[in-house]
PDB file of all heavy atoms in Angstrom:
ATOM      1  N   THR A   1     -74.126 -18.667  73.376  1.00  0.00           N
ATOM      2  CA  THR A   1     -72.902 -19.109  73.943  1.00  0.00           C
ATOM      3  C   THR A   1     -72.077 -19.761  72.917  1.00  0.00           C
ATOM      4  O   THR A   1     -72.622 -20.308  71.855  1.00  0.00           O
ATOM      5  CB  THR A   1     -73.113 -19.892  75.135  1.00  0.00           C
ATOM      6  OG1 THR A   1     -73.731 -21.118  74.725  1.00  0.00           O
ATOM      7  CG2 THR A   1     -73.926 -19.317  76.179  1.00  0.00           C
ATOM      8  N   ALA A   2     -70.893 -19.942  73.088  1.00  0.00           N
ATOM      9  CA  ALA A   2     -69.872 -20.560  72.287  1.00  0.00           C
ATOM     10  C   ALA A   2     -68.944 -21.362  73.135  1.00  0.00           C
ATOM     11  O   ALA A   2     -68.675 -20.962  74.318  1.00  0.00           O
ATOM     12  CB  ALA A   2     -69.088 -19.763  71.286  1.00  0.00           C
ATOM     13  N   ALA A   3     -68.187 -22.394  72.651  1.00  0.00           N
ATOM     14  CA  ALA A   3     -67.272 -23.183  73.351  1.00  0.00           C
ATOM     15  C   ALA A   3     -65.940 -22.325  73.317  1.00  0.00           C
ATOM     16  O   ALA A   3     -65.501 -21.868  72.348  1.00  0.00           O
ATOM     17  CB  ALA A   3     -67.083 -24.485  72.723  1.00  0.00           C
ATOM     18  N   PHE A   4     -65.354 -22.188  74.555  1.00  0.00           N
ATOM     19  CA  PHE A   4     -63.936 -21.660  74.718  1.00  0.00           C
ATOM     20  C   PHE A   4     -63.119 -22.640  75.522  1.00  0.00           C
ATOM     21  O   PHE A   4     -63.713 -23.365  76.333  1.00  0.00           O
ATOM     22  CB  PHE A   4     -64.164 -20.414  75.641  1.00  0.00           C
ATOM     23  CG  PHE A   4     -64.715 -19.193  74.872  1.00  0.00           C
ATOM     24  CD1 PHE A   4     -66.113 -19.035  74.591  1.00  0.00           C
ATOM     25  CD2 PHE A   4     -63.970 -18.229  74.564  1.00  0.00           C
ATOM     26  CE1 PHE A   4     -66.604 -17.962  74.049  1.00  0.00           C
ATOM     27  CE2 PHE A   4     -64.481 -17.041  73.871  1.00  0.00           C
ATOM     28  CZ  PHE A   4     -65.875 -16.932  73.547  1.00  0.00           C
ATOM     29  N   VAL A   5     -61.840 -22.753  75.142  1.00  0.00           N
ATOM     30  CA  VAL A   5     -60.949 -23.331  76.024  1.00  0.00           C
ATOM     31  C   VAL A   5     -60.348 -22.414  77.019  1.00  0.00           C
ATOM     32  O   VAL A   5     -60.016 -21.231  76.555  1.00  0.00           O
ATOM     33  CB  VAL A   5     -59.801 -24.051  75.201  1.00  0.00           C
ATOM     34  CG1 VAL A   5     -58.959 -23.086  74.353  1.00  0.00           C
ATOM     35  CG2 VAL A   5     -58.965 -24.940  76.016  1.00  0.00           C
ATOM     36  N   VAL A   6     -60.495 -22.683  78.239  1.00  0.00           N
ATOM     37  CA  VAL A   6     -59.924 -21.828  79.280  1.00  0.00           C
ATOM     38  C   VAL A   6     -58.857 -22.520  80.119  1.00  0.00           C
ATOM     39  O   VAL A   6     -59.077 -23.401  80.732  1.00  0.00           O
ATOM     40  CB  VAL A   6     -61.197 -21.413  80.230  1.00  0.00           C
ATOM     41  CG1 VAL A   6     -60.779 -20.493  81.381  1.00  0.00           C
ATOM     42  CG2 VAL A   6     -62.383 -20.878  79.556  1.00  0.00           C
ATOM     43  N   CYS A   7     -57.750 -21.681  80.086  1.00  0.00           N
ATOM     44  CA  CYS A   7     -56.533 -22.340  80.838  1.00  0.00           C
ATOM     45  C   CYS A   7     -55.929 -21.365  81.818  1.00  0.00           C
ATOM     46  O   CYS A   7     -55.959 -20.142  81.622  1.00  0.00           O
ATOM     47  CB  CYS A   7     -55.461 -22.618  79.804  1.00  0.00           C
ATOM     48  SG  CYS A   7     -56.012 -23.745  78.437  1.00  0.00           S
ATOM     49  N   GLU A   8     -55.349 -21.956  82.866  1.00  0.00           N
ATOM     50  CA  GLU A   8     -54.642 -21.194  83.833  1.00  0.00           C
ATOM     51  C   GLU A   8     -53.230 -21.868  83.906  1.00  0.00           C
ATOM     52  O   GLU A   8     -53.156 -23.123  84.057  1.00  0.00           O
ATOM     53  CB  GLU A   8     -55.290 -21.238  85.186  1.00  0.00           C
ATOM     54  CG  GLU A   8     -56.640 -20.509  85.274  1.00  0.00           C
ATOM     55  CD  GLU A   8     -57.160 -20.363  86.626  1.00  0.00           C
ATOM     56  OE1 GLU A   8     -56.781 -21.126  87.487  1.00  0.00           O
ATOM     57  OE2 GLU A   8     -58.003 -19.556  86.828  1.00  0.00           O
ATOM     58  N   ARG A   9     -52.258 -21.040  83.833  1.00  0.00           N
ATOM     59  CA  ARG A   9     -50.794 -21.440  83.863  1.00  0.00           C
ATOM     60  C   ARG A   9     -50.125 -20.897  85.080  1.00  0.00           C
ATOM     61  O   ARG A   9     -50.067 -19.544  85.224  1.00  0.00           O
ATOM     62  CB  ARG A   9     -49.995 -21.150  82.560  1.00  0.00           C
ATOM     63  CG  ARG A   9     -50.555 -21.806  81.303  1.00  0.00           C
ATOM     64  CD  ARG A   9     -49.808 -21.556  80.074  1.00  0.00           C
ATOM     65  NE  ARG A   9     -48.802 -20.419  80.180  1.00  0.00           N
ATOM     66  CZ  ARG A   9     -49.078 -19.182  79.744  1.00  0.00           C
ATOM     67  NH1 ARG A   9     -50.296 -18.880  79.302  1.00  0.00           N
ATOM     68  NH2 ARG A   9     -48.118 -18.233  79.809  1.00  0.00           N
ATOM     69  N   SER A  10     -49.564 -21.704  85.862  1.00  0.00           N
ATOM     70  CA  SER A  10     -48.745 -21.113  87.138  1.00  0.00           C
ATOM     71  C   SER A  10     -47.429 -20.731  86.672  1.00  0.00           C
ATOM     72  O   SER A  10     -46.996 -21.148  85.532  1.00  0.00           O
ATOM     73  CB  SER A  10     -48.769 -22.171  88.204  1.00  0.00           C
ATOM     74  OG  SER A  10     -47.883 -23.157  87.850  1.00  0.00           O
ATOM     75  N   GLU A  11     -46.630 -20.058  87.437  1.00  0.00           N
ATOM     76  CA  GLU A  11     -45.325 -19.652  87.225  1.00  0.00           C
ATOM     77  C   GLU A  11     -44.455 -20.815  87.075  1.00  0.00           C
ATOM     78  O   GLU A  11     -43.424 -20.835  86.347  1.00  0.00           O
ATOM     79  CB  GLU A  11     -44.787 -18.826  88.350  1.00  0.00           C
ATOM     80  CG  GLU A  11     -45.248 -17.400  88.267  1.00  0.00           C
ATOM     81  CD  GLU A  11     -44.599 -16.540  89.294  1.00  0.00           C
ATOM     82  OE1 GLU A  11     -43.692 -16.972  89.984  1.00  0.00           O
ATOM     83  OE2 GLU A  11     -45.023 -15.366  89.490  1.00  0.00           O
ATOM     84  N   ALA A  12     -44.836 -22.089  87.591  1.00  0.00           N
ATOM     85  CA  ALA A  12     -44.110 -23.354  87.577  1.00  0.00           C
ATOM     86  C   ALA A  12     -44.227 -23.983  86.144  1.00  0.00           C
ATOM     87  O   ALA A  12     -43.702 -24.965  85.868  1.00  0.00           O
ATOM     88  CB  ALA A  12     -44.437 -24.211  88.611  1.00  0.00           C
ATOM     89  N   GLY A  13     -45.263 -23.371  85.385  1.00  0.00           N
ATOM     90  CA  GLY A  13     -45.446 -23.959  84.054  1.00  0.00           C
ATOM     91  C   GLY A  13     -46.581 -25.037  83.930  1.00  0.00           C
ATOM     92  O   GLY A  13     -46.806 -25.508  83.010  1.00  0.00           O
ATOM     93  N   VAL A  14     -47.270 -25.111  85.067  1.00  0.00           N
ATOM     94  CA  VAL A  14     -48.310 -26.109  85.113  1.00  0.00           C
ATOM     95  C   VAL A  14     -49.708 -25.523  84.484  1.00  0.00           C
ATOM     96  O   VAL A  14     -50.053 -24.407  84.888  1.00  0.00           O
ATOM     97  CB  VAL A  14     -48.578 -26.632  86.502  1.00  0.00           C
ATOM     98  CG1 VAL A  14     -49.839 -27.643  86.565  1.00  0.00           C
ATOM     99  CG2 VAL A  14     -47.448 -27.277  87.288  1.00  0.00           C
ATOM    100  N   SER A  15     -50.138 -26.108  83.455  1.00  0.00           N
ATOM    101  CA  SER A  15     -51.377 -25.641  82.770  1.00  0.00           C
ATOM    102  C   SER A  15     -52.518 -26.453  83.126  1.00  0.00           C
ATOM    103  O   SER A  15     -52.380 -27.738  83.063  1.00  0.00           O
ATOM    104  CB  SER A  15     -51.198 -25.613  81.289  1.00  0.00           C
ATOM    105  OG  SER A  15     -50.205 -24.749  80.940  1.00  0.00           O
ATOM    106  N   ARG A  16     -53.604 -25.908  83.500  1.00  0.00           N
ATOM    107  CA  ARG A  16     -54.944 -26.615  83.667  1.00  0.00           C
ATOM    108  C   ARG A  16     -55.939 -25.956  82.755  1.00  0.00           C
ATOM    109  O   ARG A  16     -56.162 -24.756  82.817  1.00  0.00           O
ATOM    110  CB  ARG A  16     -55.380 -26.497  85.156  1.00  0.00           C
ATOM    111  CG  ARG A  16     -54.643 -27.385  86.107  1.00  0.00           C
ATOM    112  CD  ARG A  16     -55.089 -27.296  87.438  1.00  0.00           C
ATOM    113  NE  ARG A  16     -54.474 -28.270  88.332  1.00  0.00           N
ATOM    114  CZ  ARG A  16     -53.332 -28.094  88.879  1.00  0.00           C
ATOM    115  NH1 ARG A  16     -52.605 -26.967  88.732  1.00  0.00           N
ATOM    116  NH2 ARG A  16     -52.786 -29.021  89.713  1.00  0.00           N
ATOM    117  N   CYS A  17     -56.594 -26.762  81.959  1.00  0.00           N
ATOM    118  CA  CYS A  17     -57.469 -26.295  80.874  1.00  0.00           C
ATOM    119  C   CYS A  17     -58.822 -26.975  80.905  1.00  0.00           C
ATOM    120  O   CYS A  17     -58.741 -28.222  81.341  1.00  0.00           O
ATOM    121  CB  CYS A  17     -56.849 -26.434  79.443  1.00  0.00           C
ATOM    122  SG  CYS A  17     -55.328 -25.518  79.110  1.00  0.00           S
ATOM    123  N   LYS A  18     -59.814 -26.363  80.514  1.00  0.00           N
ATOM    124  CA  LYS A  18     -61.174 -26.995  80.449  1.00  0.00           C
ATOM    125  C   LYS A  18     -61.866 -26.228  79.283  1.00  0.00           C
ATOM    126  O   LYS A  18     -61.593 -25.110  78.929  1.00  0.00           O
ATOM    127  CB  LYS A  18     -61.939 -26.889  81.738  1.00  0.00           C
ATOM    128  CG  LYS A  18     -62.134 -25.448  82.224  1.00  0.00           C
ATOM    129  CD  LYS A  18     -62.802 -25.423  83.644  1.00  0.00           C
ATOM    130  CE  LYS A  18     -62.803 -24.089  84.222  1.00  0.00           C
ATOM    131  NZ  LYS A  18     -63.241 -24.019  85.549  1.00  0.00           N
ATOM    132  N   VAL A  19     -63.005 -26.997  78.753  1.00  0.00           N
ATOM    133  CA  VAL A  19     -63.680 -26.304  77.788  1.00  0.00           C
ATOM    134  C   VAL A  19     -65.012 -25.879  78.530  1.00  0.00           C
ATOM    135  O   VAL A  19     -65.609 -26.640  79.247  1.00  0.00           O
ATOM    136  CB  VAL A  19     -64.062 -27.278  76.600  1.00  0.00           C
ATOM    137  CG1 VAL A  19     -65.091 -26.703  75.576  1.00  0.00           C
ATOM    138  CG2 VAL A  19     -62.768 -27.652  75.874  1.00  0.00           C
ATOM    139  N   GLU A  20     -65.304 -24.593  78.272  1.00  0.00           N
ATOM    140  CA  GLU A  20     -66.645 -24.038  78.912  1.00  0.00           C
ATOM    141  C   GLU A  20     -67.425 -23.375  77.709  1.00  0.00           C
ATOM    142  O   GLU A  20     -66.925 -22.881  76.792  1.00  0.00           O
ATOM    143  CB  GLU A  20     -66.289 -22.973  79.867  1.00  0.00           C
ATOM    144  CG  GLU A  20     -65.440 -23.521  81.181  1.00  0.00           C
ATOM    145  CD  GLU A  20     -65.166 -22.323  82.152  1.00  0.00           C
ATOM    146  OE1 GLU A  20     -65.432 -21.168  81.907  1.00  0.00           O
ATOM    147  OE2 GLU A  20     -64.646 -22.684  83.143  1.00  0.00           O
ATOM    148  N   HIS A  21     -68.686 -23.287  78.051  1.00  0.00           N
ATOM    149  CA  HIS A  21     -69.655 -22.531  77.146  1.00  0.00           C
ATOM    150  C   HIS A  21     -69.779 -21.178  77.718  1.00  0.00           C
ATOM    151  O   HIS A  21     -70.342 -21.097  78.801  1.00  0.00           O
ATOM    152  CB  HIS A  21     -70.903 -23.299  76.812  1.00  0.00           C
ATOM    153  CG  HIS A  21     -70.784 -24.342  75.900  1.00  0.00           C
ATOM    154  ND1 HIS A  21     -70.842 -24.172  74.461  1.00  0.00           N
ATOM    155  CD2 HIS A  21     -70.373 -25.644  75.947  1.00  0.00           C
ATOM    156  CE1 HIS A  21     -70.622 -25.243  73.828  1.00  0.00           C
ATOM    157  NE2 HIS A  21     -70.331 -26.158  74.731  1.00  0.00           N
ATOM    158  N   LEU A  22     -69.323 -20.183  77.106  1.00  0.00           N
ATOM    159  CA  LEU A  22     -69.463 -18.741  77.601  1.00  0.00           C
ATOM    160  C   LEU A  22     -70.220 -17.914  76.702  1.00  0.00           C
ATOM    161  O   LEU A  22     -70.251 -18.236  75.516  1.00  0.00           O
ATOM    162  CB  LEU A  22     -67.963 -18.250  77.770  1.00  0.00           C
ATOM    163  CG  LEU A  22     -67.086 -18.985  78.626  1.00  0.00           C
ATOM    164  CD1 LEU A  22     -65.606 -18.396  78.511  1.00  0.00           C
ATOM    165  CD2 LEU A  22     -67.498 -18.994  80.051  1.00  0.00           C
ATOM    166  N   PRO A  23     -70.859 -16.841  77.115  1.00  0.00           N
ATOM    167  CA  PRO A  23     -71.471 -15.901  76.270  1.00  0.00           C
ATOM    168  C   PRO A  23     -70.629 -15.392  75.147  1.00  0.00           C
ATOM    169  O   PRO A  23     -69.493 -15.110  75.383  1.00  0.00           O
ATOM    170  CB  PRO A  23     -71.969 -14.772  77.209  1.00  0.00           C
ATOM    171  CG  PRO A  23     -71.995 -15.324  78.418  1.00  0.00           C
ATOM    172  CD  PRO A  23     -70.848 -16.313  78.629  1.00  0.00           C
ATOM    173  N   VAL A  24     -71.223 -15.225  73.958  1.00  0.00           N
ATOM    174  CA  VAL A  24     -70.531 -14.578  72.878  1.00  0.00           C
ATOM    175  C   VAL A  24     -70.643 -13.155  72.889  1.00  0.00           C
ATOM    176  O   VAL A  24     -71.739 -12.685  72.980  1.00  0.00           O
ATOM    177  CB  VAL A  24     -71.101 -15.213  71.547  1.00  0.00           C
ATOM    178  CG1 VAL A  24     -70.424 -14.503  70.277  1.00  0.00           C
ATOM    179  CG2 VAL A  24     -70.932 -16.723  71.498  1.00  0.00           C
ATOM    180  N   PRO A  25     -69.480 -12.519  72.934  1.00  0.00           N
ATOM    181  CA  PRO A  25     -69.516 -10.847  72.965  1.00  0.00           C
ATOM    182  C   PRO A  25     -70.261 -10.500  71.594  1.00  0.00           C
ATOM    183  O   PRO A  25     -70.077 -11.074  70.540  1.00  0.00           O
ATOM    184  CB  PRO A  25     -68.137 -10.422  72.892  1.00  0.00           C
ATOM    185  CG  PRO A  25     -67.304 -11.770  73.280  1.00  0.00           C
ATOM    186  CD  PRO A  25     -68.148 -12.913  72.870  1.00  0.00           C
TER     187      PRO A  25
END
Protein backbone atom coordinates (compact mmCIF):
# COMPACT_ATOMS: atom_id res chain seq x y z
CA THR A 1 0.00 0.00 0.00
CA ALA A 2 0.98 3.64 -0.39
CA ALA A 3 -0.30 6.93 0.94
CA PHE A 4 -2.78 8.72 -1.30
CA VAL A 5 -4.55 12.03 -0.82
CA VAL A 6 -8.23 11.51 -1.68
CA CYS A 7 -10.45 14.54 -2.25
CA GLU A 8 -14.06 15.15 -3.21
CA ARG A 9 -15.11 18.55 -4.53
CA SER A 10 -18.73 19.59 -4.84
CA GLU A 11 -20.09 21.90 -7.54
CA ALA A 12 -20.13 24.58 -4.85
CA GLY A 13 -16.32 24.32 -4.69
CA VAL A 14 -16.15 22.71 -1.24
CA SER A 15 -13.24 20.25 -1.03
CA ARG A 16 -12.91 17.50 1.54
CA CYS A 17 -9.62 15.62 1.55
CA LYS A 18 -8.05 12.86 3.59
CA VAL A 19 -4.93 10.73 3.40
CA GLU A 20 -5.56 6.99 2.96
CA HIS A 21 -3.32 3.99 2.45
CA LEU A 22 -4.52 2.26 -0.73
CA PRO A 23 -3.16 -0.73 -2.64
CA VAL A 24 -0.43 0.15 -5.12
CA PRO A 25 -1.37 -0.84 -8.66
